[in-house]
Amino acid sequence: MQSKVSSRRSFEWRNYIVYFVFIGVFLFFLFSIGDSGFLKPSNLLSIVRTTTMTTLIAVAMTFTIAAGEFDLSVGATAAFGAIFAALAIQATGNAFIGILAGLAGGALVGAANGALVAGLGIPSFIVTVGMQMVVRGADMWLTNTKPVIIGDAAFNNIFGQASIGPVPVLVIWTAAALLIGHVVLKKTSYGREVLATGANRVAAEFSGISTKKVKFMVMLVIGIVAAISGMLSAGLMQTARSTIGEGGIELNAIAAAILGGAALSGGKGSIIGTVVASLLIGVINNGIVIMGLNIAQQYMVTGAIIILAIAFGEKRKKV
């Protein structure tokens, strides 16, 4: 009996470890560089703003991993959606058409990934690695590797520039991703089907769940969300570039999802944990910049986070 109780406690600690790590890291930077502006409201809001793109993708990645799949093409897809939006705005002068074009670009990539993964049964790792190269090449071809200026004020305000009172719109996007993702995963039949598919595909099919449809949908949705993230980056910079999403954003999103509670084997996920983990990565990056560490050291720290995320994911799978 005692061993069972201790096992349950260990399991609970593993589920909530990201929150304790976040508090510990935050306190470390607070006491070590607090007098350098770390705790200023403007800096804290900046952390949320700079992690918004990763956070949105990480929320969608949580669903994808929970269903037993991955998407390594999200960085290129983010640029693809932003470029589609920018070109459409330049052609029509209409922000609404630009937004629809951007969403369509993300949906196109997501649907292609979904068809190959769910329809043909090709492993998502292989599909999305290949798709990443295809889409990144398309990004460069569509722009001729040159920036596409977005001069539409409405688009730029919605996707990055505006504030509602003292709150930047990017913070609101983060809050919306947290709320919508949590409700969908924990409170809807779709969320339950995603978790069931990743936990045991055969059992899910016997219970009447179309696991192929679920896998197609998670790939489609993450493609659309990646496009939204790309438009957020483009709106903030008022420019769409083929380089949007470079620098390992897909790995950061996977790390955030796994640190937040998703299991590599599928069947588990926590949107709240994912958002906290994404902010944790943002806090670490912000803190080491204030401390004066260079870009090489930032990459080393991020790589260590990814390794730890996978290690915790494997531990959760075995418990």
Protein backbone atom coordinates (compact mmCIF):
# COMPACT_ATOMS: atom_id res chain seq x y z
CA MET A 1 0.00 0.00 0.00
CA GLN A 2 2.80 2.41 0.92
CA SER A 3 4.57 1.86 -2.40
CA LYS A 4 1.37 2.62 -4.28
CA VAL A 5 0.91 5.88 -2.40
CA SER A 6 4.51 6.97 -3.02
CA SER A 7 4.12 6.07 -6.70
CA ARG A 8 1.06 8.30 -6.96
CA ARG A 9 2.94 11.16 -5.28
CA SER A 10 5.86 10.75 -7.66
CA PHE A 11 3.46 10.81 -10.59
CA GLU A 12 1.88 14.01 -9.34
CA TRP A 13 5.28 15.69 -8.94
CA ARG A 14 6.19 14.83 -12.50
CA ASN A 15 2.95 16.39 -13.76
CA TYR A 16 3.55 19.66 -11.90
CA ILE A 17 7.32 19.93 -12.17
CA VAL A 18 7.11 22.68 -14.82
CA TYR A 19 5.39 25.02 -12.36
CA PHE A 20 8.04 24.51 -9.70
CA VAL A 21 10.82 24.98 -12.25
CA PHE A 22 9.17 28.17 -13.50
CA ILE A 23 8.98 29.58 -9.97
CA GLY A 24 12.57 28.56 -9.25
CA VAL A 25 13.95 30.08 -12.46
CA PHE A 26 11.93 33.26 -11.98
CA LEU A 27 13.20 33.67 -8.42
CA PHE A 28 16.78 33.00 -9.55
CA PHE A 29 16.65 35.83 -12.09
CA LEU A 30 14.75 38.05 -9.67
CA PHE A 31 17.51 37.86 -7.06
CA SER A 32 20.43 37.81 -9.50
CA ILE A 33 19.40 40.51 -12.02
CA GLY A 34 16.32 42.07 -10.47
CA ASP A 35 18.07 45.44 -10.26
CA SER A 36 18.77 45.32 -14.04
CA GLY A 37 15.14 45.78 -15.01
CA PHE A 38 14.07 42.13 -15.06
CA LEU A 39 11.02 42.77 -12.88
CA LYS A 40 9.83 45.89 -14.71
CA PRO A 41 6.27 45.49 -16.04
CA SER A 42 7.50 46.47 -19.50
CA ASN A 43 10.07 43.66 -19.44
CA LEU A 44 7.57 41.07 -18.17
CA LEU A 45 5.10 42.07 -20.90
CA SER A 46 7.96 41.86 -23.39
CA ILE A 47 8.58 38.24 -22.35
CA VAL A 48 4.95 37.36 -23.09
CA ARG A 49 5.03 39.26 -26.38
CA THR A 50 8.22 37.63 -27.63
CA THR A 51 6.96 34.14 -26.77
CA THR A 52 3.49 34.54 -28.30
CA MET A 53 4.43 32.95 -31.62
CA THR A 54 5.99 29.93 -29.91
CA THR A 55 3.14 29.70 -27.40
CA LEU A 56 0.43 29.47 -30.05
CA ILE A 57 2.32 26.78 -31.95
CA ALA A 58 3.08 24.94 -28.70
CA VAL A 59 -0.62 24.86 -27.80
CA ALA A 60 -1.44 23.30 -31.17
CA MET A 61 1.59 21.02 -30.85
CA THR A 62 0.16 19.71 -27.57
CA PHE A 63 -2.85 18.37 -29.47
CA THR A 64 -0.59 16.91 -32.15
CA ILE A 65 1.68 15.13 -29.67
CA ALA A 66 -1.32 14.00 -27.59
CA ALA A 67 -2.63 12.32 -30.75
CA GLY A 68 0.70 10.54 -31.20
CA GLU A 69 2.16 12.73 -33.96
CA PHE A 70 4.67 15.56 -34.54
CA ASP A 71 4.89 18.53 -36.90
CA LEU A 72 8.37 19.81 -37.73
CA SER A 73 7.15 21.99 -40.61
CA VAL A 74 5.47 24.65 -38.46
CA GLY A 75 8.28 27.21 -38.77
CA ALA A 76 8.16 27.16 -42.56
CA THR A 77 4.35 27.10 -42.47
CA ALA A 78 4.34 30.22 -40.30
CA ALA A 79 6.32 32.07 -42.96
CA PHE A 80 4.09 30.60 -45.69
CA GLY A 81 0.92 31.95 -44.06
CA ALA A 82 2.47 35.37 -43.42
CA ILE A 83 3.68 35.64 -47.01
CA PHE A 84 0.28 34.62 -48.40
CA ALA A 85 -1.35 37.29 -46.24
CA ALA A 86 1.13 39.99 -47.21
CA LEU A 87 0.90 39.27 -50.94
CA ALA A 88 -2.90 39.24 -50.79
CA ILE A 89 -2.96 42.58 -48.96
CA GLN A 90 -0.60 44.09 -51.53
CA ALA A 91 -2.81 42.79 -54.36
CA THR A 92 -6.20 43.79 -52.92
CA GLY A 93 -5.53 46.40 -50.24
CA ASN A 94 -7.94 44.48 -47.99
CA ALA A 95 -6.81 43.20 -44.59
CA PHE A 96 -9.70 40.71 -44.32
CA ILE A 97 -8.77 39.06 -47.62
CA GLY A 98 -5.16 38.99 -46.46
CA ILE A 99 -6.10 37.19 -43.25
CA LEU A 100 -8.17 34.64 -45.18
CA ALA A 101 -5.27 34.08 -47.58
CA GLY A 102 -2.88 33.54 -44.67
CA LEU A 103 -5.21 31.03 -43.03
CA ALA A 104 -5.66 29.28 -46.36
CA GLY A 105 -1.90 28.98 -46.76
CA GLY A 106 -1.59 27.31 -43.35
CA ALA A 107 -4.58 25.08 -44.04
CA LEU A 108 -3.04 23.98 -47.35
CA VAL A 109 0.16 22.78 -45.68
CA GLY A 110 -1.71 21.25 -42.75
CA ALA A 111 -4.11 19.39 -45.01
CA ALA A 112 -1.22 18.05 -47.10
CA ASN A 113 0.53 16.81 -43.96
CA GLY A 114 -2.71 15.31 -42.66
CA ALA A 115 -3.44 13.50 -45.90
CA LEU A 116 0.00 11.94 -45.98
CA VAL A 117 0.01 11.00 -42.30
CA ALA A 118 -3.61 9.89 -41.84
CA GLY A 119 -4.40 8.82 -45.39
CA LEU A 120 -1.20 7.06 -46.43
CA GLY A 121 0.08 6.17 -42.96
CA ILE A 122 3.49 7.79 -43.44
CA PRO A 123 5.14 8.69 -40.10
CA SER A 124 4.60 12.36 -39.31
CA PHE A 125 8.29 12.87 -38.52
CA ILE A 126 9.25 11.92 -42.10
CA VAL A 127 6.35 13.80 -43.69
CA THR A 128 6.91 17.06 -41.86
CA VAL A 129 10.69 17.08 -42.22
CA GLY A 130 10.20 16.81 -45.99
CA MET A 131 7.33 19.32 -45.95
CA GLN A 132 9.49 21.77 -44.03
CA MET A 133 11.99 21.82 -46.89
CA VAL A 134 9.28 22.07 -49.56
CA VAL A 135 7.47 24.93 -47.85
CA ARG A 136 10.64 26.83 -46.91
CA GLY A 137 11.68 26.65 -50.56
CA ALA A 138 8.24 27.95 -51.56
CA ASP A 139 8.64 30.81 -49.05
CA MET A 140 11.90 31.84 -50.68
CA TRP A 141 10.49 31.46 -54.20
CA LEU A 142 7.34 33.51 -53.51
CA THR A 143 9.34 36.40 -52.03
CA ASN A 144 12.54 36.03 -54.02
CA THR A 145 14.08 36.08 -50.50
CA LYS A 146 13.06 39.73 -50.16
CA PRO A 147 10.78 41.17 -47.45
CA VAL A 148 7.16 41.85 -48.35
CA ILE A 149 6.04 45.11 -46.75
CA ILE A 150 2.62 45.18 -45.05
CA GLY A 151 1.26 48.70 -45.03
CA ASP A 152 -2.26 47.90 -43.83
CA ALA A 153 -2.71 49.44 -40.37
CA ALA A 154 -5.70 47.25 -39.49
CA PHE A 155 -3.76 44.04 -40.13
CA ASN A 156 -0.71 45.26 -38.25
CA ASN A 157 -2.80 46.34 -35.27
CA ILE A 158 -4.67 43.02 -35.05
CA PHE A 159 -1.48 40.99 -35.43
CA GLY A 160 0.98 42.65 -33.13
CA GLN A 161 1.08 46.44 -33.10
CA ALA A 162 -1.98 47.44 -31.08
CA SER A 163 -2.67 47.52 -27.36
CA ILE A 164 -5.94 47.49 -25.45
CA GLY A 165 -5.23 49.94 -22.69
CA PRO A 166 -1.84 48.98 -21.26
CA VAL A 167 -2.12 45.38 -22.50
CA PRO A 168 -0.41 44.56 -25.83
CA VAL A 169 -2.58 42.62 -28.27
CA LEU A 170 0.02 39.83 -28.33
CA VAL A 171 -0.63 39.20 -24.63
CA ILE A 172 -4.33 38.86 -25.47
CA TRP A 173 -3.48 36.35 -28.21
CA THR A 174 -1.56 34.31 -25.63
CA ALA A 175 -4.47 34.41 -23.18
CA ALA A 176 -6.90 33.39 -25.94
CA ALA A 177 -4.71 30.45 -26.95
CA LEU A 178 -4.55 29.31 -23.32
CA LEU A 179 -8.31 29.56 -22.78
CA ILE A 180 -9.43 28.05 -26.07
CA GLY A 181 -6.84 25.27 -26.05
CA HIS A 182 -7.62 24.25 -22.45
CA VAL A 183 -11.38 24.19 -23.00
CA VAL A 184 -11.12 22.24 -26.26
CA LEU A 185 -8.70 19.64 -24.88
CA LYS A 186 -10.39 19.07 -21.52
CA LYS A 187 -14.05 19.90 -22.10
CA THR A 188 -14.99 18.79 -25.63
CA SER A 189 -15.50 15.47 -27.38
CA TYR A 190 -12.79 16.42 -29.88
CA GLY A 191 -10.26 16.79 -27.07
CA ARG A 192 -11.25 13.43 -25.61
CA GLU A 193 -10.90 11.81 -29.04
CA VAL A 194 -7.41 13.31 -29.45
CA LEU A 195 -6.30 11.92 -26.10
CA ALA A 196 -7.89 8.53 -26.75
CA THR A 197 -6.24 8.28 -30.17
CA GLY A 198 -2.79 8.93 -28.75
CA ALA A 199 -3.28 6.69 -25.71
CA ASN A 200 -4.39 3.59 -27.62
CA ARG A 201 -5.33 3.84 -31.27
CA VAL A 202 -6.80 0.35 -31.52
CA ALA A 203 -8.97 0.81 -28.43
CA ALA A 204 -10.09 4.23 -29.72
CA GLU A 205 -11.19 2.70 -33.02
CA PHE A 206 -13.11 -0.04 -31.22
CA SER A 207 -14.93 2.66 -29.26
CA GLY A 208 -16.07 4.29 -32.51
CA ILE A 209 -13.48 7.03 -32.90
CA SER A 210 -12.20 7.69 -36.42
CA THR A 211 -8.52 7.95 -35.54
CA LYS A 212 -7.60 8.83 -39.12
CA LYS A 213 -9.94 11.81 -38.96
CA VAL A 214 -8.47 12.86 -35.61
CA LYS A 215 -4.90 12.69 -36.93
CA PHE A 216 -5.88 14.59 -40.06
CA MET A 217 -7.56 17.28 -37.96
CA VAL A 218 -4.62 17.82 -35.59
CA MET A 219 -2.29 18.24 -38.56
CA LEU A 220 -4.74 20.62 -40.26
CA VAL A 221 -5.24 22.70 -37.13
CA ILE A 222 -1.56 23.06 -36.34
CA GLY A 223 -0.98 24.25 -39.91
CA ILE A 224 -3.62 26.96 -39.47
CA VAL A 225 -2.28 27.96 -36.05
CA ALA A 226 1.26 28.15 -37.46
CA ALA A 227 -0.03 30.54 -40.14
CA ILE A 228 -1.65 32.70 -37.44
CA SER A 229 1.67 32.75 -35.58
CA GLY A 230 3.43 33.81 -38.76
CA MET A 231 0.94 36.61 -39.27
CA LEU A 232 1.56 37.75 -35.69
CA SER A 233 5.26 38.00 -36.46
CA ALA A 234 4.57 39.79 -39.75
CA GLY A 235 2.12 42.21 -38.12
CA LEU A 236 4.59 43.05 -35.38
CA MET A 237 7.39 43.70 -37.89
CA GLN A 238 5.01 45.09 -40.56
CA THR A 239 6.86 42.80 -42.93
CA ALA A 240 6.54 39.19 -44.09
CA ARG A 241 9.83 37.39 -44.63
CA SER A 242 10.81 33.92 -45.78
CA THR A 243 12.90 33.63 -42.61
CA ILE A 244 9.93 33.79 -40.22
CA GLY A 245 9.92 30.72 -37.98
CA GLU A 246 13.61 29.96 -38.39
CA GLY A 247 15.81 29.34 -35.37
CA GLY A 248 14.19 26.16 -34.05
CA ILE A 249 10.69 27.37 -33.22
CA GLU A 250 9.31 23.87 -33.86
CA LEU A 251 11.74 22.38 -31.32
CA ASN A 252 10.86 25.06 -28.78
CA ALA A 253 7.18 24.29 -29.28
CA ILE A 254 7.76 20.55 -28.82
CA ALA A 255 9.88 21.21 -25.73
CA ALA A 256 7.16 23.42 -24.25
CA ALA A 257 4.46 20.83 -24.93
CA ILE A 258 6.47 17.99 -23.36
CA LEU A 259 7.67 20.04 -20.39
CA GLY A 260 4.08 21.14 -19.91
CA GLY A 261 2.75 17.61 -19.58
CA ALA A 262 2.46 15.98 -23.00
CA ALA A 263 3.85 12.44 -23.29
CA LEU A 264 5.98 11.45 -26.27
CA SER A 265 3.94 8.28 -26.53
CA GLY A 266 0.71 10.28 -26.85
CA GLY A 267 -2.49 10.30 -24.85
CA LYS A 268 -1.54 13.11 -22.44
CA GLY A 269 -1.32 16.88 -22.56
CA SER A 270 -1.86 20.04 -20.55
CA ILE A 271 -2.48 23.37 -22.24
CA ILE A 272 -1.86 25.33 -19.04
CA GLY A 273 1.40 23.47 -18.52
CA THR A 274 2.40 24.09 -22.13
CA VAL A 275 1.85 27.84 -21.86
CA VAL A 276 3.78 27.97 -18.57
CA ALA A 277 6.63 26.01 -20.20
CA SER A 278 6.68 28.36 -23.19
CA LEU A 279 6.86 31.34 -20.84
CA LEU A 280 9.61 29.53 -18.91
CA ILE A 281 11.69 29.33 -22.08
CA GLY A 282 10.98 33.02 -22.67
CA VAL A 283 12.01 33.94 -19.11
CA ILE A 284 15.27 32.00 -19.48
CA ASN A 285 16.09 33.64 -22.82
CA ASN A 286 15.23 37.08 -21.46
CA GLY A 287 17.25 36.53 -18.29
CA ILE A 288 20.39 35.33 -20.02
CA VAL A 289 20.23 38.29 -22.42
CA ILE A 290 20.05 40.71 -19.48
CA MET A 291 22.96 38.82 -17.89
CA GLY A 292 24.97 39.53 -21.03
CA LEU A 293 25.26 36.02 -22.46
CA ASN A 294 25.64 35.78 -26.22
CA ILE A 295 23.52 34.05 -28.85
CA ALA A 296 25.68 30.91 -28.78
CA GLN A 297 25.03 30.49 -25.07
CA GLN A 298 21.31 31.06 -25.63
CA TYR A 299 21.29 28.16 -28.10
CA MET A 300 23.11 25.97 -25.60
CA VAL A 301 20.55 26.72 -22.89
CA THR A 302 17.64 26.09 -25.27
CA GLY A 303 19.19 22.79 -26.33
CA ALA A 304 19.54 21.75 -22.71
CA ILE A 305 15.85 22.58 -22.15
CA ILE A 306 14.86 20.37 -25.09
CA ILE A 307 16.91 17.46 -23.74
CA LEU A 308 15.36 17.85 -20.30
CA ALA A 309 11.90 18.04 -21.85
CA ILE A 310 12.39 14.75 -23.68
CA ALA A 311 13.86 13.17 -20.53
CA PHE A 312 10.81 14.18 -18.49
CA GLY A 313 8.55 12.95 -21.29
CA GLU A 314 10.19 9.55 -21.19
CA LYS A 315 9.88 9.43 -17.40
CA ARG A 316 6.17 10.19 -17.62
CA LYS A 317 5.75 7.43 -20.18
CA LYS A 318 7.31 4.86 -17.84
CA VAL A 319 5.37 5.87 -14.72
